[in-house]
Protein backbone atom coordinates (compact mmCIF):
# COMPACT_ATOMS: atom_id res chain seq x y z
CA MET A 1 75.86 -22.19 13.12
CA ASP A 2 74.75 -23.17 16.23
CA PHE A 3 71.09 -21.46 17.60
CA SER A 4 69.40 -22.07 21.05
CA ASN A 5 66.58 -20.14 22.32
CA SER A 6 67.80 -21.62 26.00
CA LYS A 7 67.70 -17.94 27.71
CA TRP A 8 64.62 -16.59 26.21
CA VAL A 9 63.18 -20.28 27.76
CA LYS A 10 64.64 -19.65 31.09
CA ARG A 11 62.79 -16.31 30.91
CA LEU A 12 59.90 -17.20 29.55
CA ARG A 13 59.55 -20.11 31.86
CA MET A 14 60.30 -17.45 34.96
CA GLY A 15 57.57 -14.56 33.63
CA PHE A 16 54.75 -17.73 33.50
CA LEU A 17 55.43 -18.71 37.01
CA VAL A 18 55.54 -15.53 38.27
CA LEU A 19 52.47 -14.22 36.61
CA GLY A 20 50.92 -17.60 37.85
CA LEU A 21 51.46 -17.20 40.96
CA CYS A 22 50.48 -13.33 40.89
CA TRP A 23 46.68 -14.66 39.10
CA LEU A 24 46.93 -17.51 41.78
CA PHE A 25 47.03 -15.39 45.52
CA THR A 26 44.90 -12.28 43.15
CA VAL A 27 41.60 -15.23 43.06
CA ALA A 28 43.24 -16.74 46.97
CA PHE A 29 42.42 -12.65 47.85
CA LEU A 30 38.95 -12.20 45.52
CA ILE A 31 37.85 -15.15 47.03
CA TYR A 32 38.57 -13.90 50.86
CA ILE A 33 37.23 -10.67 50.37
CA ASP A 34 33.54 -12.31 48.96
CA LEU A 35 34.00 -11.49 45.91
CA PHE A 36 33.20 -14.40 44.54
CA ALA A 37 31.65 -13.20 40.99
CA ALA A 38 35.07 -11.79 39.74
CA ALA A 39 37.35 -14.51 41.32
CA VAL A 40 35.36 -17.09 38.70
CA ILE A 41 35.98 -14.78 35.50
CA LEU A 42 39.89 -14.76 37.25
CA ALA A 43 39.79 -18.57 37.33
CA GLY A 44 38.06 -18.47 33.92
CA LEU A 45 40.41 -16.36 31.86
CA PHE A 46 43.52 -18.40 33.41
CA LEU A 47 42.04 -21.58 32.35
CA VAL A 48 41.79 -19.62 29.17
CA THR A 49 45.38 -18.16 29.21
CA MET A 50 46.37 -22.31 29.63
CA ALA A 51 44.93 -23.25 26.87
CA ILE A 52 46.45 -20.68 24.67
CA ILE A 53 49.89 -21.78 26.29
CA ALA A 54 48.81 -25.53 25.78
CA MET A 55 47.97 -24.06 21.73
CA MET A 56 51.89 -22.47 21.51
CA ASN A 57 52.84 -25.10 22.56
CA PHE A 58 56.41 -23.40 23.06
CA GLN A 59 59.49 -25.23 22.51
CA TYR A 60 63.03 -25.12 24.03
CA LEU A 61 64.61 -25.69 20.13
CA ARG A 62 68.61 -25.88 19.57
CA VAL A 63 69.99 -26.00 16.22
CA THR A 64 73.81 -26.81 14.88
CA VAL A 65 75.45 -27.48 12.34
CA GLN A 66 78.28 -30.83 12.62
CA LYS A 67 80.47 -32.40 9.99
CA ASP A 68 78.15 -31.54 7.61
CA LYS A 69 75.02 -32.19 9.75
CA LEU A 70 72.09 -30.21 10.64
CA ILE A 71 71.02 -31.61 14.37
CA VAL A 72 67.90 -30.14 15.49
CA ARG A 73 66.96 -30.91 19.46
CA TYR A 74 63.70 -29.72 20.65
CA TYR A 75 60.93 -30.77 23.61
CA SER A 76 57.86 -28.75 24.90
CA ILE A 77 58.68 -26.69 27.77
CA PHE A 78 55.70 -26.74 29.17
CA ALA A 79 53.99 -30.79 28.61
CA VAL A 80 54.13 -32.97 31.90
CA ASP A 81 55.40 -35.82 29.45
CA ARG A 82 58.65 -33.29 28.19
CA LEU A 83 59.52 -35.80 24.96
CA PHE A 84 63.70 -34.72 24.16
CA ARG A 85 63.39 -35.35 20.22
CA LEU A 86 66.37 -34.83 18.15
CA VAL A 87 67.06 -34.89 14.38
CA GLU A 88 69.77 -35.64 12.51
CA ILE A 89 69.96 -34.29 9.08
CA PRO A 90 72.84 -34.95 6.68
CA VAL A 91 72.81 -30.96 4.92
CA SER A 92 73.28 -32.65 1.31
CA GLN A 93 70.11 -34.69 1.63
CA LEU A 94 67.78 -31.18 3.05
CA ARG A 95 65.35 -29.89 0.45
CA ASN A 96 63.35 -27.87 2.06
CA VAL A 97 62.31 -25.87 5.19
CA GLU A 98 58.66 -24.89 5.11
CA ILE A 99 56.92 -22.57 7.20
CA ARG A 100 53.54 -22.36 8.38
CA THR A 101 51.57 -20.11 11.31
CA TYR A 102 49.06 -19.84 12.72
CA LEU A 103 47.06 -17.81 15.23
CA LEU A 104 47.72 -14.36 13.64
CA GLY A 105 51.50 -15.09 13.72
CA LEU A 106 51.94 -15.71 16.84
CA LYS A 107 52.41 -19.10 16.15
CA TRP A 108 55.21 -20.69 14.06
CA GLU A 109 55.60 -24.13 13.13
CA MET A 110 59.06 -25.69 10.68
CA ARG A 111 59.44 -28.98 8.83
CA PHE A 112 62.00 -29.90 7.32
CA THR A 113 61.75 -32.29 4.00
CA VAL A 114 64.90 -34.51 3.19
CA ARG A 115 65.68 -36.84 -0.21
CA VAL A 116 65.82 -40.33 1.09
CA GLY A 117 65.95 -43.52 -1.13
CA LYS A 118 62.33 -43.55 -2.34
CA GLY A 119 61.71 -39.96 -2.74
CA LEU A 120 61.32 -37.17 -0.33
CA ALA A 121 60.43 -37.52 3.27
CA ASP A 122 58.78 -34.71 6.03
CA TYR A 123 60.15 -34.56 9.19
CA PRO A 124 57.44 -34.06 12.25
CA TRP A 125 56.16 -30.12 12.65
CA ILE A 126 58.86 -28.20 15.31
CA SER A 127 57.17 -24.80 17.22
CA LEU A 128 58.95 -21.49 16.96
CA SER A 129 56.44 -20.02 19.12
CA ALA A 130 59.25 -19.71 21.72
CA VAL A 131 61.82 -18.51 19.38
CA PRO A 132 61.91 -14.48 20.07
CA PHE A 133 60.36 -12.62 16.64
CA ARG A 134 63.64 -11.19 15.47
CA LEU A 135 65.34 -14.67 15.80
CA ARG A 136 63.11 -16.52 14.23
CA SER A 137 63.64 -14.71 10.28
CA LYS A 138 67.26 -15.04 10.55
CA LEU A 139 67.11 -19.18 11.61
CA ILE A 140 64.74 -19.85 8.88
CA THR A 141 67.21 -17.92 6.53
CA ASN A 142 70.37 -19.68 7.86
CA LEU A 143 68.53 -22.63 7.17
CA ARG A 144 67.03 -22.29 3.81
CA GLY A 145 70.59 -21.74 3.01
CA LEU A 146 71.62 -24.80 3.91
CA ILE A 147 69.89 -25.39 1.13
CA LEU A 148 71.55 -23.79 -2.05
CA GLN A 149 74.90 -25.44 -0.53
């Protein structure tokens, strides 16, 4: 199994960049023609949009299975500090793939539960917001299929 959302992440970043620049130029134009109320409203909407993007936590995600190990690489694509993270789990120790949803089903998060010496341990939540909807279910089904093997 080899899954990556890199193509979608590139399109998402480019789309947000173009949309942000268009928004900025529109606000600047509204200020130029003395429509300050409209400029303030658009600036406020821009801040609300940035807050929603921050809440969604769009992440690059790559999931591979190599030599009986599940390897998950991920990082936040709009964060300033962009911390790259790596999770390596022996497939034989994987016990559960938990999913939770937020924001009317737009934000999905995934967490792995593994068997360790003293019981069960949970990894941190990984956001699936930047994974297209049609691929989320396939990814989760494939990961849950690893538990049954």
